[in-house]
Amino acid sequence: MDTQTLQTYVHIVEGGSFAAAARRMGIAKSMASKHVSDLEASLGARLLTRSTRSVKPTAVGIEYYTKVKAILDQLEVANETVRSAAMHPAGSLRIASPVSYTLKTLAPCLMRFAEAFPQVQVEMVLDDRAADLIGEGYDAAIRVGELQDSGLVLRRLNAARVDVVASPAYLEAHGVPQKPEDLTAHRCLYYTNMRGSRTWPFQQGAEVIYQRINPTFFANNGDLIRMAALAGHGIALMPDFLVQEDLASGALVPLLTDFRLPDLPVSIVYPSRRNMSAALRAFLDFTAGLGASGGCAATMGRRGAAAQV
């Protein structure tokens, strides 16, 4: 039986009439009468004695009213608890995020989010692979790069510039490539989570050319690729958030600067917009417009105010 039937019965007992209960429930008097008739039929007992002047509960009806009233009160408390949680960010939030991007860029925003929403328990799982959000129990994931259509909701946060880089020592020993096709003769360092089989994208006008390379070192972590480049082991394709300081210091040198490389989009994905928790909604708002320096949305710092390589 549904709660509307039980609530109708409670209101009839409290109001002393079908009409009073019908007004309180916002239904027709005939519907209130039907609810009680169906209830009595399902229980196999008479709950109310009816006369032309009044409606009164039977002995078993009084006992039933007492127990049902208590249950409905507990249900309302439970409902209010959930409504309150949906309005105020609290509870657990499990986010998958790539290792290097999180440590280099996202971390300052995460610290400010933790300060702004102390009632939210954030679990960051750092992993460069594309996690199965639903199967592995994640609320959302940060991803860097073009994404395949997965049925998830996607919100773009920003984009990272991409550079082809090498150390001065490597270039002195092996020469400087002048055009993308020259890379076939060089030692290349390959990030294995990239889409495209052993190719790097170079943009010519509106067309993207995927240049075949011959990797001599493979890794699924951007920091390890950077370390190999710094050690002079080859040429690497790197997002700017990993190599900005190295380029500024001269430890790495930008190559093929006359050729544009497509930016890497940074996105947050989550399963559904429906019935979203307040904690996830706050996280999405907080990371909106995430900058390359780790800056968050305008809400940062306001305690309790309404983001793969």
Protein backbone atom coordinates (compact mmCIF):
# COMPACT_ATOMS: atom_id res chain seq x y z
CA MET A 1 0.00 0.00 0.00
CA ASP A 2 1.23 3.52 -0.70
CA THR A 3 1.84 6.29 1.83
CA GLN A 4 -1.01 8.42 0.44
CA THR A 5 -3.52 5.79 1.57
CA LEU A 6 -1.99 5.66 5.04
CA GLN A 7 -1.83 9.46 5.29
CA THR A 8 -5.48 9.68 4.27
CA TYR A 9 -6.44 7.27 7.02
CA VAL A 10 -4.45 9.22 9.62
CA HIS A 11 -6.07 12.51 8.57
CA ILE A 12 -9.56 10.95 8.75
CA VAL A 13 -8.94 9.81 12.32
CA GLU A 14 -7.46 13.19 13.32
CA GLY A 15 -10.05 15.29 11.49
CA GLY A 16 -13.07 13.14 12.28
CA SER A 17 -14.41 13.14 8.71
CA PHE A 18 -13.68 12.14 5.15
CA ALA A 19 -14.25 15.72 3.98
CA ALA A 20 -11.62 17.14 6.34
CA ALA A 21 -9.08 14.53 5.28
CA ALA A 22 -9.86 15.11 1.60
CA ARG A 23 -9.26 18.87 1.96
CA ARG A 24 -5.97 18.27 3.75
CA MET A 25 -4.79 15.78 1.12
CA GLY A 26 -6.06 17.85 -1.81
CA ILE A 27 -8.19 15.02 -3.17
CA ALA A 28 -11.91 14.38 -3.68
CA LYS A 29 -13.98 13.07 -0.75
CA SER A 30 -14.87 10.01 -2.81
CA MET A 31 -11.19 9.26 -3.30
CA ALA A 32 -10.58 9.50 0.46
CA SER A 33 -13.41 7.03 1.01
CA LYS A 34 -11.97 4.68 -1.61
CA HIS A 35 -8.52 4.79 0.02
CA VAL A 36 -10.00 3.62 3.33
CA SER A 37 -12.18 0.97 1.68
CA ASP A 38 -9.18 -0.43 -0.17
CA LEU A 39 -7.10 -0.32 3.03
CA GLU A 40 -9.74 -2.21 5.03
CA ALA A 41 -10.09 -4.76 2.24
CA SER A 42 -6.34 -5.40 2.13
CA LEU A 43 -6.16 -5.79 5.92
CA GLY A 44 -9.36 -7.81 6.24
CA ALA A 45 -10.54 -5.64 9.16
CA ARG A 46 -12.83 -2.69 9.73
CA LEU A 47 -10.87 0.36 10.85
CA LEU A 48 -13.66 2.97 10.97
CA THR A 49 -17.29 3.06 12.09
CA ARG A 50 -19.27 5.38 9.88
CA SER A 51 -22.52 7.19 10.67
CA THR A 52 -24.34 10.11 9.11
CA ARG A 53 -22.83 12.44 11.69
CA SER A 54 -19.34 11.12 12.41
CA VAL A 55 -16.50 8.78 11.56
CA LYS A 56 -14.72 7.09 14.46
CA PRO A 57 -11.98 4.47 14.57
CA THR A 58 -12.72 1.00 15.87
CA ALA A 59 -10.57 -0.46 18.64
CA VAL A 60 -8.27 -2.10 16.11
CA GLY A 61 -8.44 1.12 14.07
CA ILE A 62 -7.09 3.15 17.01
CA GLU A 63 -4.19 0.73 17.46
CA TYR A 64 -3.49 0.80 13.71
CA TYR A 65 -3.61 4.61 13.68
CA THR A 66 -1.04 4.83 16.50
CA LYS A 67 1.43 2.57 14.75
CA VAL A 68 0.93 4.06 11.28
CA LYS A 69 1.25 7.61 12.62
CA ALA A 70 4.61 6.74 14.20
CA ILE A 71 5.84 5.17 10.95
CA LEU A 72 4.78 8.18 8.87
CA ASP A 73 6.49 10.54 11.33
CA GLN A 74 9.72 8.54 11.05
CA LEU A 75 9.41 8.56 7.27
CA GLU A 76 9.06 12.35 7.26
CA VAL A 77 12.15 12.69 9.43
CA ALA A 78 14.07 10.47 7.00
CA ASN A 79 12.81 12.48 4.03
CA GLU A 80 13.82 15.76 5.64
CA THR A 81 17.27 14.38 6.37
CA VAL A 82 17.77 13.53 2.71
CA ARG A 83 16.35 16.88 1.56
CA SER A 84 18.69 18.71 3.91
CA ALA A 85 21.68 16.73 2.65
CA ALA A 86 20.68 17.50 -0.94
CA MET A 87 20.70 21.22 -0.15
CA HIS A 88 23.88 21.36 1.96
CA PRO A 89 27.14 19.82 0.66
CA ALA A 90 28.12 16.96 2.96
CA GLY A 91 29.05 13.31 2.83
CA SER A 92 31.55 11.45 0.67
CA LEU A 93 32.78 12.39 -2.81
CA ARG A 94 34.98 9.99 -4.80
CA ILE A 95 36.84 11.51 -7.75
CA ALA A 96 39.21 9.82 -10.22
CA SER A 97 41.92 12.08 -11.59
CA PRO A 98 45.18 11.71 -13.58
CA VAL A 99 48.33 11.77 -11.49
CA SER A 100 50.45 14.54 -13.00
CA TYR A 101 47.62 16.97 -13.71
CA THR A 102 46.29 16.58 -10.19
CA LEU A 103 49.65 17.19 -8.52
CA LYS A 104 50.76 20.00 -10.85
CA THR A 105 47.50 21.89 -11.42
CA LEU A 106 44.44 20.61 -9.58
CA ALA A 107 45.91 20.26 -6.08
CA PRO A 108 45.60 23.95 -5.02
CA CYS A 109 41.94 23.96 -6.04
CA LEU A 110 41.34 20.75 -4.09
CA MET A 111 42.85 22.29 -0.96
CA ARG A 112 40.58 25.32 -1.26
CA PHE A 113 37.56 23.10 -1.86
CA ALA A 114 38.35 21.11 1.30
CA GLU A 115 38.55 24.36 3.25
CA ALA A 116 35.31 25.73 1.81
CA PHE A 117 33.32 22.52 2.36
CA PRO A 118 34.61 20.81 5.51
CA GLN A 119 31.54 18.53 5.70
CA VAL A 120 32.47 16.84 2.40
CA GLN A 121 34.85 13.88 2.67
CA VAL A 122 36.81 13.93 -0.60
CA GLU A 123 38.58 10.81 -1.82
CA MET A 124 40.89 11.52 -4.76
CA VAL A 125 42.02 8.40 -6.62
CA LEU A 126 45.01 9.27 -8.81
CA ASP A 127 45.24 7.06 -11.87
CA ASP A 128 46.11 7.89 -15.47
CA ARG A 129 43.78 5.28 -16.94
CA ALA A 130 40.15 6.07 -17.83
CA ALA A 131 38.32 4.66 -14.82
CA ASP A 132 34.90 3.02 -15.09
CA LEU A 133 32.90 5.60 -13.12
CA ILE A 134 29.80 3.53 -12.49
CA GLY A 135 31.48 0.14 -12.15
CA GLU A 136 34.13 1.45 -9.74
CA GLY A 137 31.87 3.71 -7.73
CA TYR A 138 33.18 7.16 -8.69
CA ASP A 139 31.06 10.30 -8.49
CA ALA A 140 33.11 11.99 -11.23
CA ALA A 141 36.46 11.95 -13.01
CA ILE A 142 38.90 14.53 -14.32
CA ARG A 143 40.18 13.66 -17.77
CA VAL A 144 42.73 15.27 -20.07
CA GLY A 145 42.49 14.75 -23.82
CA GLU A 146 39.77 14.11 -26.35
CA LEU A 147 37.15 11.74 -25.01
CA GLN A 148 35.18 9.05 -26.76
CA ASP A 149 31.39 9.16 -26.48
CA SER A 150 30.71 7.17 -23.32
CA GLY A 151 27.22 8.27 -22.36
CA LEU A 152 28.64 10.30 -19.47
CA VAL A 153 27.87 13.97 -18.91
CA LEU A 154 30.90 16.10 -19.82
CA ARG A 155 31.80 19.60 -18.68
CA ARG A 156 34.85 21.27 -20.21
CA LEU A 157 37.11 22.95 -17.64
CA ASN A 158 39.97 24.34 -19.72
CA ALA A 159 42.66 23.27 -22.18
CA ALA A 160 46.38 22.62 -21.88
CA ARG A 161 48.90 23.74 -24.49
CA VAL A 162 51.11 20.97 -25.89
CA ASP A 163 54.83 21.23 -26.73
CA VAL A 164 57.34 18.98 -28.44
CA VAL A 165 60.45 19.15 -26.26
CA ALA A 166 63.91 17.71 -25.80
CA SER A 167 66.97 18.42 -23.68
CA PRO A 168 69.89 20.44 -25.07
CA ALA A 169 72.13 17.39 -24.60
CA TYR A 170 69.89 15.22 -26.77
CA LEU A 171 69.69 17.85 -29.52
CA GLU A 172 73.46 18.32 -29.52
CA ALA A 173 73.94 14.57 -29.96
CA HIS A 174 71.12 13.87 -32.44
CA GLY A 175 70.31 17.13 -34.20
CA VAL A 176 67.19 19.31 -34.26
CA PRO A 177 64.12 18.18 -36.24
CA GLN A 178 62.85 20.88 -38.61
CA LYS A 179 59.52 19.35 -39.62
CA PRO A 180 57.23 16.63 -38.21
CA GLU A 181 58.38 13.93 -40.63
CA ASP A 182 61.94 14.35 -39.29
CA LEU A 183 60.74 12.71 -36.07
CA THR A 184 60.90 9.27 -37.72
CA ALA A 185 64.69 9.47 -37.46
CA HIS A 186 64.67 10.44 -33.75
CA ARG A 187 64.32 8.67 -30.45
CA CYS A 188 60.87 9.51 -29.13
CA LEU A 189 59.32 9.13 -25.68
CA TYR A 190 55.74 7.92 -25.87
CA TYR A 191 52.89 8.39 -23.38
CA THR A 192 50.87 5.19 -23.75
CA ASN A 193 47.50 6.63 -22.65
CA MET A 194 47.39 8.87 -25.74
CA ARG A 195 44.77 8.12 -28.36
CA GLY A 196 46.34 7.12 -31.66
CA SER A 197 48.84 4.31 -32.14
CA ARG A 198 52.38 5.71 -31.89
CA THR A 199 51.47 8.97 -33.56
CA TRP A 200 51.61 12.65 -32.59
CA PRO A 201 49.08 15.18 -33.91
CA PHE A 202 50.20 18.28 -35.82
CA GLN A 203 47.66 20.75 -37.10
CA GLN A 204 47.84 22.24 -40.58
CA GLY A 205 44.95 24.67 -41.04
CA ALA A 206 41.79 22.82 -40.12
CA GLU A 207 43.37 19.40 -40.72
CA VAL A 208 45.15 17.33 -38.07
CA ILE A 209 48.03 15.19 -39.34
CA TYR A 210 49.00 12.23 -37.20
CA GLN A 211 52.76 11.89 -37.58
CA ARG A 212 54.12 8.38 -37.14
CA ILE A 213 56.97 8.16 -34.62
CA ASN A 214 59.38 5.43 -33.48
CA PRO A 215 59.26 5.36 -29.68
CA THR A 216 62.23 4.00 -27.76
CA PHE A 217 60.71 4.59 -24.32
CA PHE A 218 57.10 4.05 -23.21
CA ALA A 219 55.31 5.05 -20.00
CA ASN A 220 51.75 5.62 -18.81
CA ASN A 221 52.78 8.52 -16.58
CA GLY A 222 53.64 12.03 -17.74
CA ASP A 223 56.16 12.73 -14.98
CA LEU A 224 58.23 9.71 -15.99
CA ILE A 225 58.20 10.82 -19.64
CA ARG A 226 59.38 14.28 -18.49
CA MET A 227 62.22 12.74 -16.47
CA ALA A 228 63.34 10.72 -19.50
CA ALA A 229 63.33 13.88 -21.62
CA LEU A 230 65.36 15.79 -19.02
CA ALA A 231 67.86 12.92 -18.92
CA GLY A 232 68.40 13.25 -22.67
CA HIS A 233 66.75 9.99 -23.72
CA GLY A 234 64.65 11.47 -26.52
CA ILE A 235 61.97 13.86 -27.76
CA ALA A 236 58.68 14.08 -25.89
CA LEU A 237 55.21 15.48 -26.49
CA MET A 238 54.28 17.21 -23.23
CA PRO A 239 51.43 19.33 -21.80
CA ASP A 240 52.58 22.75 -20.66
CA PHE A 241 51.59 22.22 -17.02
CA LEU A 242 54.36 19.59 -16.78
CA VAL A 243 57.20 21.44 -18.50
CA GLN A 244 56.62 25.18 -17.98
CA GLU A 245 59.49 25.49 -15.48
CA ASP A 246 61.80 23.31 -17.57
CA LEU A 247 61.22 25.47 -20.65
CA ALA A 248 61.75 28.65 -18.66
CA SER A 249 65.03 27.37 -17.21
CA GLY A 250 66.31 25.95 -20.50
CA ALA A 251 66.41 22.38 -19.17
CA LEU A 252 64.10 21.51 -22.06
CA VAL A 253 63.90 23.18 -25.48
CA PRO A 254 60.68 23.60 -27.53
CA LEU A 255 60.81 22.05 -31.00
CA LEU A 256 58.82 22.39 -34.24
CA THR A 257 57.37 25.68 -33.04
CA ASP A 258 56.23 26.56 -36.57
CA PHE A 259 53.74 23.71 -36.39
CA ARG A 260 50.70 23.95 -34.14
CA LEU A 261 49.72 21.07 -31.90
CA PRO A 262 46.07 20.79 -30.82
CA ASP A 263 45.46 21.75 -27.22
CA LEU A 264 44.52 19.01 -24.78
CA PRO A 265 41.01 19.60 -23.41
CA VAL A 266 40.59 19.18 -19.66
CA SER A 267 37.14 17.92 -18.68
CA ILE A 268 35.16 16.58 -15.78
CA VAL A 269 32.75 13.73 -16.48
CA TYR A 270 30.00 12.31 -14.29
CA PRO A 271 27.17 9.79 -14.75
CA SER A 272 24.02 11.93 -14.67
CA ARG A 273 22.55 15.37 -13.99
CA ARG A 274 19.55 13.78 -12.24
CA ASN A 275 19.48 13.47 -8.45
CA MET A 276 22.98 14.89 -8.17
CA SER A 277 24.31 15.13 -4.62
CA ALA A 278 24.95 18.57 -3.17
CA ALA A 279 28.60 17.60 -2.67
CA LEU A 280 29.09 16.83 -6.37
CA ARG A 281 27.17 19.94 -7.40
CA ALA A 282 29.46 22.05 -5.20
CA PHE A 283 32.55 20.37 -6.70
CA LEU A 284 31.35 21.02 -10.25
CA ASP A 285 30.65 24.67 -9.45
CA PHE A 286 33.98 25.08 -7.66
CA THR A 287 36.04 23.71 -10.53
CA ALA A 288 34.19 25.61 -13.26
CA GLY A 289 36.67 27.59 -15.31
CA LEU A 290 39.66 25.89 -13.70
CA GLY A 291 42.77 27.73 -14.86
CA ALA A 292 46.15 26.32 -15.76
CA SER A 293 47.51 27.66 -12.46
CA GLY A 294 44.94 25.75 -10.42
CA GLY A 295 42.61 28.68 -9.83
CA CYS A 296 38.99 27.78 -9.12
CA ALA A 297 35.67 29.45 -9.79
CA ALA A 298 34.60 32.66 -8.12
CA THR A 299 33.05 30.67 -5.27
CA MET A 300 36.44 29.67 -3.87
CA GLY A 301 37.12 30.70 -0.33
CA ARG A 302 33.44 31.20 0.61
CA ARG A 303 32.83 28.59 3.25
CA GLY A 304 29.54 26.84 2.55
CA ALA A 305 28.95 28.60 -0.82
CA ALA A 306 27.14 27.31 -3.68
CA ALA A 307 37.12 19.86 -11.22
CA GLN A 308 45.12 12.33 -18.33
CA VAL A 309 48.32 12.93 -18.02
